[in-house]
Amino acid sequence: MNLREAIHFCELRSMPQGHPDYRVLVQEMWRQIERVHPSLAVWGRFVNRDAYRLGRLQSEFRTEFRRFEVGGVRA
C-alpha cells in the first residue's frame, strides 16, 4: 500500500458513518503512519481521529425516512 492508498482508505473508513471496527482500525493505522513517517502524515488532513458512539445513527435515520416516504409504509 502506498501513501495515496493509505490516505484514501483511512479518510474513507474513519468517517463518522463508517463501521466502528473499521474506524478504530484505521485510526490506529494512521497513528502508526504518523509515528513512522511524520513528514508524510501531514497529507492525511481529513483522517478523522474522533470517537463516535453512534456514528451511523444519523445515516440509519435517513435510510428509514426514505424507506417510509418511497414505500409509503405506515405505522
PDB file of N, CA and C in Angstrom:
ATOM      1  N   MET A   1       0.845  -1.166   0.000  1.00  0.00           N
ATOM      2  CA  MET A   1       0.000   0.000   0.000  1.00  0.00           C
ATOM      3  C   MET A   1       0.897   1.238   0.000  1.00  0.00           C
ATOM      4  N   ASN A   2       0.651   2.128  -0.940  1.00  0.00           N
ATOM      5  CA  ASN A   2       1.423   3.363  -0.954  1.00  0.00           C
ATOM      6  C   ASN A   2       0.706   4.451  -0.143  1.00  0.00           C
ATOM      7  N   LEU A   3       1.307   5.604  -0.030  1.00  0.00           N
ATOM      8  CA  LEU A   3       0.759   6.676   0.799  1.00  0.00           C
ATOM      9  C   LEU A   3      -0.604   7.140   0.296  1.00  0.00           C
ATOM     10  N   ARG A   4      -0.751   7.288  -0.999  1.00  0.00           N
ATOM     11  CA  ARG A   4      -2.029   7.730  -1.558  1.00  0.00           C
ATOM     12  C   ARG A   4      -3.143   6.752  -1.207  1.00  0.00           C
ATOM     13  N   GLU A   5      -2.870   5.467  -1.324  1.00  0.00           N
ATOM     14  CA  GLU A   5      -3.868   4.461  -0.976  1.00  0.00           C
ATOM     15  C   GLU A   5      -4.198   4.488   0.515  1.00  0.00           C
ATOM     16  N   ALA A   6      -3.175   4.648   1.342  1.00  0.00           N
ATOM     17  CA  ALA A   6      -3.379   4.688   2.790  1.00  0.00           C
ATOM     18  C   ALA A   6      -4.215   5.902   3.186  1.00  0.00           C
ATOM     19  N   ILE A   7      -3.937   7.048   2.586  1.00  0.00           N
ATOM     20  CA  ILE A   7      -4.717   8.253   2.890  1.00  0.00           C
ATOM     21  C   ILE A   7      -6.169   8.051   2.483  1.00  0.00           C
ATOM     22  N   HIS A   8      -6.383   7.582   1.276  1.00  0.00           N
ATOM     23  CA  HIS A   8      -7.747   7.377   0.792  1.00  0.00           C
ATOM     24  C   HIS A   8      -8.501   6.399   1.689  1.00  0.00           C
ATOM     25  N   PHE A   9      -7.891   5.282   1.997  1.00  0.00           N
ATOM     26  CA  PHE A   9      -8.508   4.254   2.824  1.00  0.00           C
ATOM     27  C   PHE A   9      -8.826   4.786   4.216  1.00  0.00           C
ATOM     28  N   CYS A  10      -7.878   5.456   4.829  1.00  0.00           N
ATOM     29  CA  CYS A  10      -8.071   5.953   6.194  1.00  0.00           C
ATOM     30  C   CYS A  10      -9.085   7.090   6.252  1.00  0.00           C
ATOM     31  N   GLU A  11      -9.078   7.968   5.254  1.00  0.00           N
ATOM     32  CA  GLU A  11     -10.070   9.038   5.233  1.00  0.00           C
ATOM     33  C   GLU A  11     -11.472   8.470   5.046  1.00  0.00           C
ATOM     34  N   LEU A  12     -11.601   7.503   4.164  1.00  0.00           N
ATOM     35  CA  LEU A  12     -12.905   6.915   3.887  1.00  0.00           C
ATOM     36  C   LEU A  12     -13.442   6.143   5.090  1.00  0.00           C
ATOM     37  N   ARG A  13     -12.618   5.312   5.678  1.00  0.00           N
ATOM     38  CA  ARG A  13     -13.081   4.430   6.755  1.00  0.00           C
ATOM     39  C   ARG A  13     -13.112   5.086   8.123  1.00  0.00           C
ATOM     40  N   SER A  14     -12.584   6.289   8.256  1.00  0.00           N
ATOM     41  CA  SER A  14     -12.620   6.955   9.561  1.00  0.00           C
ATOM     42  C   SER A  14     -13.776   7.933   9.682  1.00  0.00           C
ATOM     43  N   MET A  15     -14.611   8.046   8.659  1.00  0.00           N
ATOM     44  CA  MET A  15     -15.760   8.951   8.716  1.00  0.00           C
ATOM     45  C   MET A  15     -16.740   8.484   9.789  1.00  0.00           C
ATOM     46  N   PRO A  16     -17.522   9.395  10.341  1.00  0.00           N
ATOM     47  CA  PRO A  16     -18.498   9.010  11.372  1.00  0.00           C
ATOM     48  C   PRO A  16     -19.475   7.930  10.905  1.00  0.00           C
ATOM     49  N   GLN A  17     -19.778   7.895   9.606  1.00  0.00           N
ATOM     50  CA  GLN A  17     -20.714   6.915   9.078  1.00  0.00           C
ATOM     51  C   GLN A  17     -20.094   5.537   8.910  1.00  0.00           C
ATOM     52  N   GLY A  18     -18.781   5.450   9.033  1.00  0.00           N
ATOM     53  CA  GLY A  18     -18.107   4.174   8.851  1.00  0.00           C
ATOM     54  C   GLY A  18     -18.364   3.210   9.995  1.00  0.00           C
ATOM     55  N   HIS A  19     -18.119   1.967   9.741  1.00  0.00           N
ATOM     56  CA  HIS A  19     -18.310   0.943  10.765  1.00  0.00           C
ATOM     57  C   HIS A  19     -17.333   1.196  11.914  1.00  0.00           C
ATOM     58  N   PRO A  20     -17.787   1.084  13.166  1.00  0.00           N
ATOM     59  CA  PRO A  20     -16.923   1.385  14.312  1.00  0.00           C
ATOM     60  C   PRO A  20     -15.631   0.560  14.342  1.00  0.00           C
ATOM     61  N   ASP A  21     -15.701  -0.704  13.946  1.00  0.00           N
ATOM     62  CA  ASP A  21     -14.492  -1.538  13.955  1.00  0.00           C
ATOM     63  C   ASP A  21     -13.469  -1.053  12.933  1.00  0.00           C
ATOM     64  N   TYR A  22     -13.945  -0.685  11.736  1.00  0.00           N
ATOM     65  CA  TYR A  22     -13.044  -0.133  10.727  1.00  0.00           C
ATOM     66  C   TYR A  22     -12.437   1.175  11.213  1.00  0.00           C
ATOM     67  N   ARG A  23     -13.265   2.018  11.823  1.00  0.00           N
ATOM     68  CA  ARG A  23     -12.806   3.323  12.281  1.00  0.00           C
ATOM     69  C   ARG A  23     -11.664   3.180  13.290  1.00  0.00           C
ATOM     70  N   VAL A  24     -11.829   2.292  14.261  1.00  0.00           N
ATOM     71  CA  VAL A  24     -10.781   2.066  15.264  1.00  0.00           C
ATOM     72  C   VAL A  24      -9.517   1.548  14.595  1.00  0.00           C
ATOM     73  N   LEU A  25      -9.670   0.622  13.658  1.00  0.00           N
ATOM     74  CA  LEU A  25      -8.526   0.035  12.968  1.00  0.00           C
ATOM     75  C   LEU A  25      -7.744   1.077  12.175  1.00  0.00           C
ATOM     76  N   VAL A  26      -8.439   1.878  11.375  1.00  0.00           N
ATOM     77  CA  VAL A  26      -7.719   2.849  10.542  1.00  0.00           C
ATOM     78  C   VAL A  26      -7.158   3.999  11.363  1.00  0.00           C
ATOM     79  N   GLN A  27      -7.799   4.340  12.472  1.00  0.00           N
ATOM     80  CA  GLN A  27      -7.230   5.373  13.331  1.00  0.00           C
ATOM     81  C   GLN A  27      -5.906   4.908  13.924  1.00  0.00           C
ATOM     82  N   GLU A  28      -5.850   3.662  14.335  1.00  0.00           N
ATOM     83  CA  GLU A  28      -4.577   3.125  14.833  1.00  0.00           C
ATOM     84  C   GLU A  28      -3.553   3.027  13.701  1.00  0.00           C
ATOM     85  N   MET A  29      -4.006   2.607  12.537  1.00  0.00           N
ATOM     86  CA  MET A  29      -3.119   2.530  11.375  1.00  0.00           C
ATOM     87  C   MET A  29      -2.518   3.909  11.079  1.00  0.00           C
ATOM     88  N   TRP A  30      -3.355   4.947  11.135  1.00  0.00           N
ATOM     89  CA  TRP A  30      -2.863   6.290  10.841  1.00  0.00           C
ATOM     90  C   TRP A  30      -1.913   6.786  11.932  1.00  0.00           C
ATOM     91  N   ARG A  31      -2.181   6.432  13.190  1.00  0.00           N
ATOM     92  CA  ARG A  31      -1.253   6.801  14.273  1.00  0.00           C
ATOM     93  C   ARG A  31       0.133   6.193  14.026  1.00  0.00           C
ATOM     94  N   GLN A  32       0.151   4.970  13.535  1.00  0.00           N
ATOM     95  CA  GLN A  32       1.435   4.320  13.242  1.00  0.00           C
ATOM     96  C   GLN A  32       2.139   4.993  12.060  1.00  0.00           C
ATOM     97  N   ILE A  33       1.379   5.379  11.055  1.00  0.00           N
ATOM     98  CA  ILE A  33       1.966   6.105   9.917  1.00  0.00           C
ATOM     99  C   ILE A  33       2.556   7.427  10.409  1.00  0.00           C
ATOM    100  N   GLU A  34       1.816   8.137  11.276  1.00  0.00           N
ATOM    101  CA  GLU A  34       2.319   9.401  11.824  1.00  0.00           C
ATOM    102  C   GLU A  34       3.586   9.191  12.655  1.00  0.00           C
ATOM    103  N   ARG A  35       3.635   8.091  13.377  1.00  0.00           N
ATOM    104  CA  ARG A  35       4.799   7.813  14.211  1.00  0.00           C
ATOM    105  C   ARG A  35       6.035   7.517  13.365  1.00  0.00           C
ATOM    106  N   VAL A  36       5.863   6.735  12.322  1.00  0.00           N
ATOM    107  CA  VAL A  36       6.995   6.319  11.491  1.00  0.00           C
ATOM    108  C   VAL A  36       7.360   7.374  10.446  1.00  0.00           C
ATOM    109  N   HIS A  37       6.367   8.012   9.846  1.00  0.00           N
ATOM    110  CA  HIS A  37       6.606   8.989   8.767  1.00  0.00           C
ATOM    111  C   HIS A  37       5.873  10.302   9.061  1.00  0.00           C
ATOM    112  N   PRO A  38       6.300  11.054  10.071  1.00  0.00           N
ATOM    113  CA  PRO A  38       5.568  12.282  10.417  1.00  0.00           C
ATOM    114  C   PRO A  38       5.540  13.315   9.296  1.00  0.00           C
ATOM    115  N   SER A  39       6.573  13.371   8.487  1.00  0.00           N
ATOM    116  CA  SER A  39       6.591  14.366   7.409  1.00  0.00           C
ATOM    117  C   SER A  39       5.605  14.017   6.288  1.00  0.00           C
ATOM    118  N   LEU A  40       5.290  12.746   6.117  1.00  0.00           N
ATOM    119  CA  LEU A  40       4.322  12.338   5.097  1.00  0.00           C
ATOM    120  C   LEU A  40       2.890  12.362   5.630  1.00  0.00           C
ATOM    121  N   ALA A  41       2.746  12.188   6.925  1.00  0.00           N
ATOM    122  CA  ALA A  41       1.414  12.106   7.527  1.00  0.00           C
ATOM    123  C   ALA A  41       0.645  13.420   7.454  1.00  0.00           C
ATOM    124  N   VAL A  42       1.337  14.519   7.218  1.00  0.00           N
ATOM    125  CA  VAL A  42       0.631  15.803   7.118  1.00  0.00           C
ATOM    126  C   VAL A  42      -0.345  15.822   5.942  1.00  0.00           C
ATOM    127  N   TRP A  43      -0.163  14.925   4.984  1.00  0.00           N
ATOM    128  CA  TRP A  43      -1.049  14.886   3.826  1.00  0.00           C
ATOM    129  C   TRP A  43      -2.395  14.252   4.151  1.00  0.00           C
ATOM    130  N   GLY A  44      -2.506  13.585   5.272  1.00  0.00           N
ATOM    131  CA  GLY A  44      -3.777  12.976   5.656  1.00  0.00           C
ATOM    132  C   GLY A  44      -4.625  13.913   6.483  1.00  0.00           C
ATOM    133  N   ARG A  45      -4.924  15.070   5.935  1.00  0.00           N
ATOM    134  CA  ARG A  45      -5.640  16.110   6.671  1.00  0.00           C
ATOM    135  C   ARG A  45      -7.059  15.716   7.054  1.00  0.00           C
ATOM    136  N   PHE A  46      -7.676  14.837   6.294  1.00  0.00           N
ATOM    137  CA  PHE A  46      -9.083  14.523   6.525  1.00  0.00           C
ATOM    138  C   PHE A  46      -9.285  13.174   7.208  1.00  0.00           C
ATOM    139  N   VAL A  47      -8.227  12.599   7.735  1.00  0.00           N
ATOM    140  CA  VAL A  47      -8.388  11.383   8.527  1.00  0.00           C
ATOM    141  C   VAL A  47      -9.035  11.799   9.839  1.00  0.00           C
ATOM    142  N   ASN A  48     -10.173  11.226  10.118  1.00  0.00           N
ATOM    143  CA  ASN A  48     -10.951  11.606  11.297  1.00  0.00           C
ATOM    144  C   ASN A  48     -10.429  10.852  12.512  1.00  0.00           C
ATOM    145  N   ARG A  49     -10.020  11.586  13.521  1.00  0.00           N
ATOM    146  CA  ARG A  49      -9.451  10.978  14.731  1.00  0.00           C
ATOM    147  C   ARG A  49     -10.440  10.972  15.891  1.00  0.00           C
ATOM    148  N   ASP A  50     -11.659  11.411  15.653  1.00  0.00           N
ATOM    149  CA  ASP A  50     -12.661  11.494  16.711  1.00  0.00           C
ATOM    150  C   ASP A  50     -13.296  10.128  16.969  1.00  0.00           C
ATOM    151  N   ALA A  51     -13.829   9.973  18.169  1.00  0.00           N
ATOM    152  CA  ALA A  51     -14.540   8.753  18.542  1.00  0.00           C
ATOM    153  C   ALA A  51     -16.035   9.035  18.536  1.00  0.00           C
ATOM    154  N   TYR A  52     -16.798   8.108  17.989  1.00  0.00           N
ATOM    155  CA  TYR A  52     -18.251   8.247  17.921  1.00  0.00           C
ATOM    156  C   TYR A  52     -18.888   6.988  18.481  1.00  0.00           C
ATOM    157  N   ARG A  53     -19.806   7.165  19.408  1.00  0.00           N
ATOM    158  CA  ARG A  53     -20.514   6.003  19.943  1.00  0.00           C
ATOM    159  C   ARG A  53     -21.540   5.494  18.944  1.00  0.00           C
ATOM    160  N   LEU A  54     -22.305   6.396  18.372  1.00  0.00           N
ATOM    161  CA  LEU A  54     -23.380   6.021  17.455  1.00  0.00           C
ATOM    162  C   LEU A  54     -23.217   6.777  16.144  1.00  0.00           C
ATOM    163  N   GLY A  55     -22.089   6.600  15.513  1.00  0.00           N
ATOM    164  CA  GLY A  55     -21.763   7.359  14.307  1.00  0.00           C
ATOM    165  C   GLY A  55     -22.705   7.132  13.150  1.00  0.00           C
ATOM    166  N   ARG A  56     -23.266   5.940  13.038  1.00  0.00           N
ATOM    167  CA  ARG A  56     -24.150   5.632  11.917  1.00  0.00           C
ATOM    168  C   ARG A  56     -25.603   5.969  12.198  1.00  0.00           C
ATOM    169  N   LEU A  57     -25.910   6.469  13.376  1.00  0.00           N
ATOM    170  CA  LEU A  57     -27.299   6.696  13.746  1.00  0.00           C
ATOM    171  C   LEU A  57     -28.005   7.641  12.781  1.00  0.00           C
ATOM    172  N   GLN A  58     -27.379   8.768  12.448  1.00  0.00           N
ATOM    173  CA  GLN A  58     -27.999   9.721  11.510  1.00  0.00           C
ATOM    174  C   GLN A  58     -28.230   9.084  10.147  1.00  0.00           C
ATOM    175  N   SER A  59     -27.275   8.300   9.694  1.00  0.00           N
ATOM    176  CA  SER A  59     -27.416   7.622   8.405  1.00  0.00           C
ATOM    177  C   SER A  59     -28.588   6.640   8.438  1.00  0.00           C
ATOM    178  N   GLU A  60     -28.734   5.908   9.530  1.00  0.00           N
ATOM    179  CA  GLU A  60     -29.844   4.963   9.654  1.00  0.00           C
ATOM    180  C   GLU A  60     -31.187   5.691   9.703  1.00  0.00           C
ATOM    181  N   PHE A  61     -31.238   6.833  10.380  1.00  0.00           N
ATOM    182  CA  PHE A  61     -32.471   7.627  10.397  1.00  0.00           C
ATOM    183  C   PHE A  61     -32.854   8.070   8.987  1.00  0.00           C
ATOM    184  N   ARG A  62     -31.877   8.548   8.217  1.00  0.00           N
ATOM    185  CA  ARG A  62     -32.163   8.990   6.844  1.00  0.00           C
ATOM    186  C   ARG A  62     -32.667   7.836   5.996  1.00  0.00           C
ATOM    187  N   THR A  63     -32.059   6.667   6.153  1.00  0.00           N
ATOM    188  CA  THR A  63     -32.483   5.494   5.392  1.00  0.00           C
ATOM    189  C   THR A  63     -33.925   5.123   5.726  1.00  0.00           C
ATOM    190  N   GLU A  64     -34.250   5.103   6.998  1.00  0.00           N
ATOM    191  CA  GLU A  64     -35.617   4.778   7.410  1.00  0.00           C
ATOM    192  C   GLU A  64     -36.600   5.831   6.912  1.00  0.00           C
ATOM    193  N   PHE A  65     -36.215   7.098   6.942  1.00  0.00           N
ATOM    194  CA  PHE A  65     -37.086   8.164   6.464  1.00  0.00           C
ATOM    195  C   PHE A  65     -37.373   7.982   4.976  1.00  0.00           C
ATOM    196  N   ARG A  66     -36.330   7.699   4.196  1.00  0.00           N
ATOM    197  CA  ARG A  66     -36.519   7.475   2.749  1.00  0.00           C
ATOM    198  C   ARG A  66     -37.394   6.261   2.497  1.00  0.00           C
ATOM    199  N   ARG A  67     -37.148   5.198   3.237  1.00  0.00           N
ATOM    200  CA  ARG A  67     -37.940   3.976   3.071  1.00  0.00           C
ATOM    201  C   ARG A  67     -39.417   4.272   3.356  1.00  0.00           C
ATOM    202  N   PHE A  68     -39.678   5.067   4.372  1.00  0.00           N
ATOM    203  CA  PHE A  68     -41.046   5.427   4.720  1.00  0.00           C
ATOM    204  C   PHE A  68     -41.696   6.251   3.611  1.00  0.00           C
ATOM    205  N   GLU A  69     -40.950   7.241   3.077  1.00  0.00           N
ATOM    206  CA  GLU A  69     -41.509   8.106   2.056  1.00  0.00           C
ATOM    207  C   GLU A  69     -41.704   7.391   0.733  1.00  0.00           C
ATOM    208  N   VAL A  70     -40.742   6.608   0.301  1.00  0.00           N
ATOM    209  CA  VAL A  70     -40.826   5.936  -1.000  1.00  0.00           C
ATOM    210  C   VAL A  70     -41.795   4.775  -0.950  1.00  0.00           C
ATOM    211  N   GLY A  71     -41.715   3.980   0.095  1.00  0.00           N
ATOM    212  CA  GLY A  71     -42.550   2.782   0.177  1.00  0.00           C
ATOM    213  C   GLY A  71     -43.950   3.045   0.668  1.00  0.00           C
ATOM    214  N   GLY A  72     -44.173   4.212   1.239  1.00  0.00           N
ATOM    215  CA  GLY A  72     -45.484   4.509   1.752  1.00  0.00           C
ATOM    216  C   GLY A  72     -45.869   3.655   2.950  1.00  0.00           C
ATOM    217  N   VAL A  73     -44.866   3.147   3.646  1.00  0.00           N
ATOM    218  CA  VAL A  73     -45.110   2.297   4.799  1.00  0.00           C
ATOM    219  C   VAL A  73     -45.706   3.149   5.909  1.00  0.00           C
ATOM    220  N   ARG A  74     -46.817   2.731   6.437  1.00  0.00           N
ATOM    221  CA  ARG A  74     -47.473   3.450   7.525  1.00  0.00           C
ATOM    222  C   ARG A  74     -47.442   2.592   8.769  1.00  0.00           C
ATOM    223  N   ALA A  75     -47.188   3.230   9.906  1.00  0.00           N
ATOM    224  CA  ALA A  75     -47.124   2.502  11.179  1.00  0.00           C
ATOM    225  C   ALA A  75     -48.511   2.300  11.748  1.00  0.00           C
TER     226      ALA A  75
END
